[in-house]
Amino acid sequence: MGLINWIFDIYQHTQIDQAKTDAAAARADLAAIRSSGGSVDGARLTVALEELALATKALQRTLVDKGVCTSDEFAKTLRAIDLEDGLADGRSRLR
């Protein structure tokens, strides 16, 4: 194996390890919104949704501020994604 392949292999393994870490963190976050009885804890779910809303707003603002897209382009893409499931309901189904 050449040096470039060896370096790339190390990089890939690092990425795989990071993906595993991220997946474990996501599972822990999901578990955190459940109560000890297994039902969804409404307060924890609200916090998780508020964090998601904050991250989404920050992403949108950054894209517009950096000139990657306009607010209108972002809204158009949002509407197109909303319609992917056949319903214009302002939501995207979790898969």
N, C-alpha and C. Protein backbone atom coordinates (compact mmCIF):
# COMPACT_ATOMS: atom_id res chain seq x y z
N MET A 1 0.86 -1.17 0.00
CA MET A 1 0.00 0.00 0.00
C MET A 1 0.91 1.24 0.00
N GLY A 2 0.59 2.17 -0.89
CA GLY A 2 1.37 3.39 -0.97
C GLY A 2 1.09 4.32 0.20
N LEU A 3 1.94 5.30 0.36
CA LEU A 3 1.82 6.25 1.46
C LEU A 3 0.49 7.01 1.39
N ILE A 4 0.09 7.42 0.19
CA ILE A 4 -1.18 8.16 0.04
C ILE A 4 -2.35 7.28 0.47
N ASN A 5 -2.35 6.02 0.06
CA ASN A 5 -3.42 5.10 0.45
C ASN A 5 -3.44 4.90 1.96
N TRP A 6 -2.28 4.80 2.55
CA TRP A 6 -2.18 4.61 3.99
C TRP A 6 -2.74 5.82 4.73
N ILE A 7 -2.39 7.03 4.27
CA ILE A 7 -2.90 8.25 4.90
C ILE A 7 -4.41 8.33 4.73
N PHE A 8 -4.89 8.02 3.53
CA PHE A 8 -6.33 8.06 3.28
C PHE A 8 -7.06 7.04 4.16
N ASP A 9 -6.46 5.87 4.34
CA ASP A 9 -7.06 4.84 5.19
C ASP A 9 -7.18 5.33 6.63
N ILE A 10 -6.16 5.98 7.12
CA ILE A 10 -6.21 6.54 8.48
C ILE A 10 -7.32 7.58 8.57
N TYR A 11 -7.40 8.45 7.56
CA TYR A 11 -8.45 9.48 7.53
C TYR A 11 -9.83 8.83 7.56
N GLN A 12 -10.05 7.80 6.74
CA GLN A 12 -11.34 7.13 6.69
C GLN A 12 -11.70 6.52 8.05
N HIS A 13 -10.74 5.89 8.69
CA HIS A 13 -11.00 5.29 10.00
C HIS A 13 -11.34 6.36 11.04
N THR A 14 -10.67 7.50 10.93
CA THR A 14 -10.98 8.61 11.82
C THR A 14 -12.41 9.08 11.61
N GLN A 15 -12.83 9.20 10.35
CA GLN A 15 -14.20 9.62 10.03
C GLN A 15 -15.22 8.59 10.53
N ILE A 16 -14.91 7.32 10.37
CA ILE A 16 -15.81 6.26 10.84
C ILE A 16 -15.94 6.32 12.36
N ASP A 17 -14.82 6.49 13.04
CA ASP A 17 -14.86 6.60 14.50
C ASP A 17 -15.68 7.80 14.95
N GLN A 18 -15.55 8.93 14.24
CA GLN A 18 -16.32 10.13 14.58
C GLN A 18 -17.80 9.89 14.34
N ALA A 19 -18.14 9.20 13.26
CA ALA A 19 -19.54 8.89 12.97
C ALA A 19 -20.13 8.01 14.07
N LYS A 20 -19.35 7.05 14.54
CA LYS A 20 -19.81 6.19 15.64
C LYS A 20 -20.05 7.01 16.90
N THR A 21 -19.13 7.93 17.18
CA THR A 21 -19.28 8.80 18.35
C THR A 21 -20.52 9.67 18.22
N ASP A 22 -20.72 10.24 17.04
CA ASP A 22 -21.89 11.09 16.80
C ASP A 22 -23.19 10.30 16.94
N ALA A 23 -23.20 9.07 16.43
CA ALA A 23 -24.39 8.23 16.54
C ALA A 23 -24.69 7.89 17.99
N ALA A 24 -23.67 7.61 18.76
CA ALA A 24 -23.87 7.31 20.18
C ALA A 24 -24.42 8.53 20.90
N ALA A 25 -23.91 9.72 20.56
CA ALA A 25 -24.42 10.95 21.17
C ALA A 25 -25.87 11.19 20.80
N ALA A 26 -26.23 10.91 19.55
CA ALA A 26 -27.63 11.07 19.12
C ALA A 26 -28.54 10.10 19.87
N ARG A 27 -28.09 8.86 20.06
CA ARG A 27 -28.88 7.89 20.83
C ARG A 27 -29.05 8.36 22.28
N ALA A 28 -27.99 8.93 22.84
CA ALA A 28 -28.06 9.43 24.22
C ALA A 28 -29.02 10.61 24.30
N ASP A 29 -28.98 11.50 23.29
CA ASP A 29 -29.91 12.63 23.27
C ASP A 29 -31.35 12.14 23.19
N LEU A 30 -31.60 11.13 22.38
CA LEU A 30 -32.95 10.57 22.26
C LEU A 30 -33.39 9.96 23.58
N ALA A 31 -32.51 9.23 24.22
CA ALA A 31 -32.84 8.63 25.51
C ALA A 31 -33.12 9.70 26.55
N ALA A 32 -32.47 10.85 26.41
CA ALA A 32 -32.61 11.92 27.40
C ALA A 32 -34.01 12.55 27.38
N ILE A 33 -34.75 12.41 26.27
CA ILE A 33 -36.09 12.99 26.24
C ILE A 33 -37.15 12.01 26.74
N ARG A 34 -36.72 10.84 27.11
CA ARG A 34 -37.65 9.85 27.67
C ARG A 34 -37.58 9.87 29.19
N SER A 35 -38.72 9.68 29.80
CA SER A 35 -38.74 9.62 31.26
C SER A 35 -38.32 8.22 31.70
N SER A 36 -38.18 8.02 32.99
CA SER A 36 -37.76 6.72 33.50
C SER A 36 -38.77 5.63 33.16
N GLY A 37 -40.03 6.00 32.95
CA GLY A 37 -41.06 5.02 32.58
C GLY A 37 -41.10 4.70 31.10
N GLY A 38 -40.29 5.40 30.31
CA GLY A 38 -40.23 5.13 28.88
C GLY A 38 -41.07 6.08 28.04
N SER A 39 -41.94 6.85 28.68
CA SER A 39 -42.75 7.80 27.91
C SER A 39 -41.91 9.05 27.62
N VAL A 40 -42.40 9.85 26.70
CA VAL A 40 -41.67 11.06 26.33
C VAL A 40 -41.88 12.13 27.40
N ASP A 41 -40.78 12.73 27.83
CA ASP A 41 -40.82 13.80 28.80
C ASP A 41 -41.04 15.10 28.02
N GLY A 42 -42.21 15.71 28.20
CA GLY A 42 -42.58 16.90 27.45
C GLY A 42 -41.62 18.06 27.61
N ALA A 43 -41.14 18.29 28.81
CA ALA A 43 -40.21 19.39 29.05
C ALA A 43 -38.89 19.16 28.33
N ARG A 44 -38.39 17.93 28.38
CA ARG A 44 -37.13 17.61 27.70
C ARG A 44 -37.30 17.70 26.18
N LEU A 45 -38.46 17.26 25.69
CA LEU A 45 -38.73 17.34 24.27
C LEU A 45 -38.79 18.80 23.82
N THR A 46 -39.41 19.65 24.63
CA THR A 46 -39.49 21.07 24.30
C THR A 46 -38.09 21.68 24.21
N VAL A 47 -37.22 21.35 25.16
CA VAL A 47 -35.85 21.85 25.12
C VAL A 47 -35.15 21.37 23.85
N ALA A 48 -35.30 20.10 23.50
CA ALA A 48 -34.66 19.56 22.30
C ALA A 48 -35.17 20.28 21.05
N LEU A 49 -36.46 20.54 20.98
CA LEU A 49 -37.03 21.23 19.82
C LEU A 49 -36.57 22.68 19.75
N GLU A 50 -36.46 23.32 20.91
CA GLU A 50 -35.97 24.70 20.92
C GLU A 50 -34.51 24.77 20.48
N GLU A 51 -33.70 23.78 20.87
CA GLU A 51 -32.31 23.73 20.43
C GLU A 51 -32.24 23.52 18.91
N LEU A 52 -33.11 22.65 18.39
CA LEU A 52 -33.15 22.41 16.95
C LEU A 52 -33.60 23.67 16.21
N ALA A 53 -34.58 24.37 16.74
CA ALA A 53 -35.05 25.61 16.11
C ALA A 53 -33.93 26.64 16.09
N LEU A 54 -33.18 26.76 17.17
CA LEU A 54 -32.06 27.70 17.24
C LEU A 54 -31.01 27.36 16.19
N ALA A 55 -30.65 26.09 16.10
CA ALA A 55 -29.64 25.67 15.13
C ALA A 55 -30.12 25.93 13.70
N THR A 56 -31.38 25.68 13.43
CA THR A 56 -31.93 25.91 12.09
C THR A 56 -31.92 27.39 11.74
N LYS A 57 -32.33 28.23 12.68
CA LYS A 57 -32.32 29.68 12.44
C LYS A 57 -30.90 30.18 12.22
N ALA A 58 -29.95 29.67 13.00
CA ALA A 58 -28.56 30.09 12.84
C ALA A 58 -28.02 29.67 11.48
N LEU A 59 -28.36 28.47 11.05
CA LEU A 59 -27.92 27.98 9.74
C LEU A 59 -28.50 28.84 8.63
N GLN A 60 -29.80 29.12 8.70
CA GLN A 60 -30.44 29.94 7.68
C GLN A 60 -29.81 31.33 7.63
N ARG A 61 -29.64 31.95 8.77
CA ARG A 61 -29.07 33.30 8.82
C ARG A 61 -27.64 33.32 8.28
N THR A 62 -26.86 32.30 8.63
CA THR A 62 -25.49 32.23 8.14
C THR A 62 -25.45 32.08 6.63
N LEU A 63 -26.30 31.23 6.08
CA LEU A 63 -26.35 31.04 4.63
C LEU A 63 -26.70 32.33 3.91
N VAL A 64 -27.69 33.05 4.44
CA VAL A 64 -28.10 34.31 3.82
C VAL A 64 -27.03 35.38 4.00
N ASP A 65 -26.49 35.52 5.23
CA ASP A 65 -25.48 36.54 5.49
C ASP A 65 -24.21 36.34 4.66
N LYS A 66 -23.85 35.08 4.41
CA LYS A 66 -22.64 34.80 3.63
C LYS A 66 -22.90 34.83 2.13
N GLY A 67 -24.16 35.06 1.75
CA GLY A 67 -24.49 35.16 0.33
C GLY A 67 -24.59 33.83 -0.38
N VAL A 68 -24.72 32.75 0.37
CA VAL A 68 -24.88 31.44 -0.25
C VAL A 68 -26.24 31.36 -0.94
N CYS A 69 -27.24 31.96 -0.33
CA CYS A 69 -28.57 32.03 -0.91
C CYS A 69 -29.28 33.25 -0.34
N THR A 70 -30.41 33.60 -0.96
CA THR A 70 -31.22 34.70 -0.44
C THR A 70 -32.30 34.10 0.47
N SER A 71 -32.95 34.96 1.22
CA SER A 71 -34.06 34.48 2.07
C SER A 71 -35.15 33.86 1.22
N ASP A 72 -35.42 34.46 0.06
CA ASP A 72 -36.45 33.92 -0.84
C ASP A 72 -36.05 32.54 -1.37
N GLU A 73 -34.77 32.36 -1.73
CA GLU A 73 -34.31 31.06 -2.20
C GLU A 73 -34.42 30.02 -1.10
N PHE A 74 -34.07 30.40 0.11
CA PHE A 74 -34.18 29.48 1.24
C PHE A 74 -35.63 29.07 1.45
N ALA A 75 -36.54 30.06 1.41
CA ALA A 75 -37.97 29.78 1.60
C ALA A 75 -38.50 28.89 0.49
N LYS A 76 -38.05 29.12 -0.74
CA LYS A 76 -38.50 28.29 -1.88
C LYS A 76 -38.05 26.84 -1.70
N THR A 77 -36.80 26.67 -1.27
CA THR A 77 -36.29 25.31 -1.03
C THR A 77 -37.05 24.66 0.12
N LEU A 78 -37.32 25.43 1.16
CA LEU A 78 -38.08 24.92 2.30
C LEU A 78 -39.45 24.41 1.86
N ARG A 79 -40.14 25.20 1.03
CA ARG A 79 -41.46 24.78 0.53
C ARG A 79 -41.36 23.53 -0.33
N ALA A 80 -40.32 23.45 -1.17
CA ALA A 80 -40.14 22.27 -2.03
C ALA A 80 -39.91 21.02 -1.19
N ILE A 81 -39.09 21.14 -0.16
CA ILE A 81 -38.83 19.99 0.72
C ILE A 81 -40.11 19.62 1.47
N ASP A 82 -40.87 20.62 1.89
CA ASP A 82 -42.13 20.37 2.59
C ASP A 82 -43.07 19.53 1.72
N LEU A 83 -43.07 19.76 0.43
CA LEU A 83 -43.98 19.04 -0.48
C LEU A 83 -43.49 17.65 -0.87
N GLU A 84 -42.26 17.29 -0.49
CA GLU A 84 -41.73 15.98 -0.88
C GLU A 84 -42.57 14.82 -0.37
N ASP A 85 -43.26 15.01 0.75
CA ASP A 85 -44.11 13.94 1.27
C ASP A 85 -45.56 14.07 0.79
N GLY A 86 -45.79 15.04 -0.11
CA GLY A 86 -47.12 15.22 -0.68
C GLY A 86 -48.04 16.14 0.13
N LEU A 87 -47.57 16.65 1.26
CA LEU A 87 -48.37 17.52 2.10
C LEU A 87 -47.65 18.84 2.36
N ALA A 88 -48.35 19.94 2.12
CA ALA A 88 -47.79 21.26 2.43
C ALA A 88 -48.23 21.61 3.86
N ASP A 89 -47.54 21.00 4.83
CA ASP A 89 -47.96 21.16 6.23
C ASP A 89 -46.88 21.78 7.10
N GLY A 90 -45.78 22.25 6.49
CA GLY A 90 -44.72 22.87 7.26
C GLY A 90 -43.88 21.90 8.07
N ARG A 91 -43.95 20.63 7.70
CA ARG A 91 -43.20 19.61 8.45
C ARG A 91 -42.50 18.68 7.48
N SER A 92 -41.47 18.02 7.96
CA SER A 92 -40.79 16.99 7.21
C SER A 92 -40.80 15.73 8.06
N ARG A 93 -41.27 14.67 7.50
CA ARG A 93 -41.39 13.42 8.25
C ARG A 93 -40.03 12.89 8.66
N LEU A 94 -39.95 12.36 9.85
CA LEU A 94 -38.73 11.70 10.32
C LEU A 94 -38.70 10.30 9.72
N ARG A 95 -37.55 9.91 9.27
CA ARG A 95 -37.46 8.58 8.64
C ARG A 95 -36.67 7.67 9.51
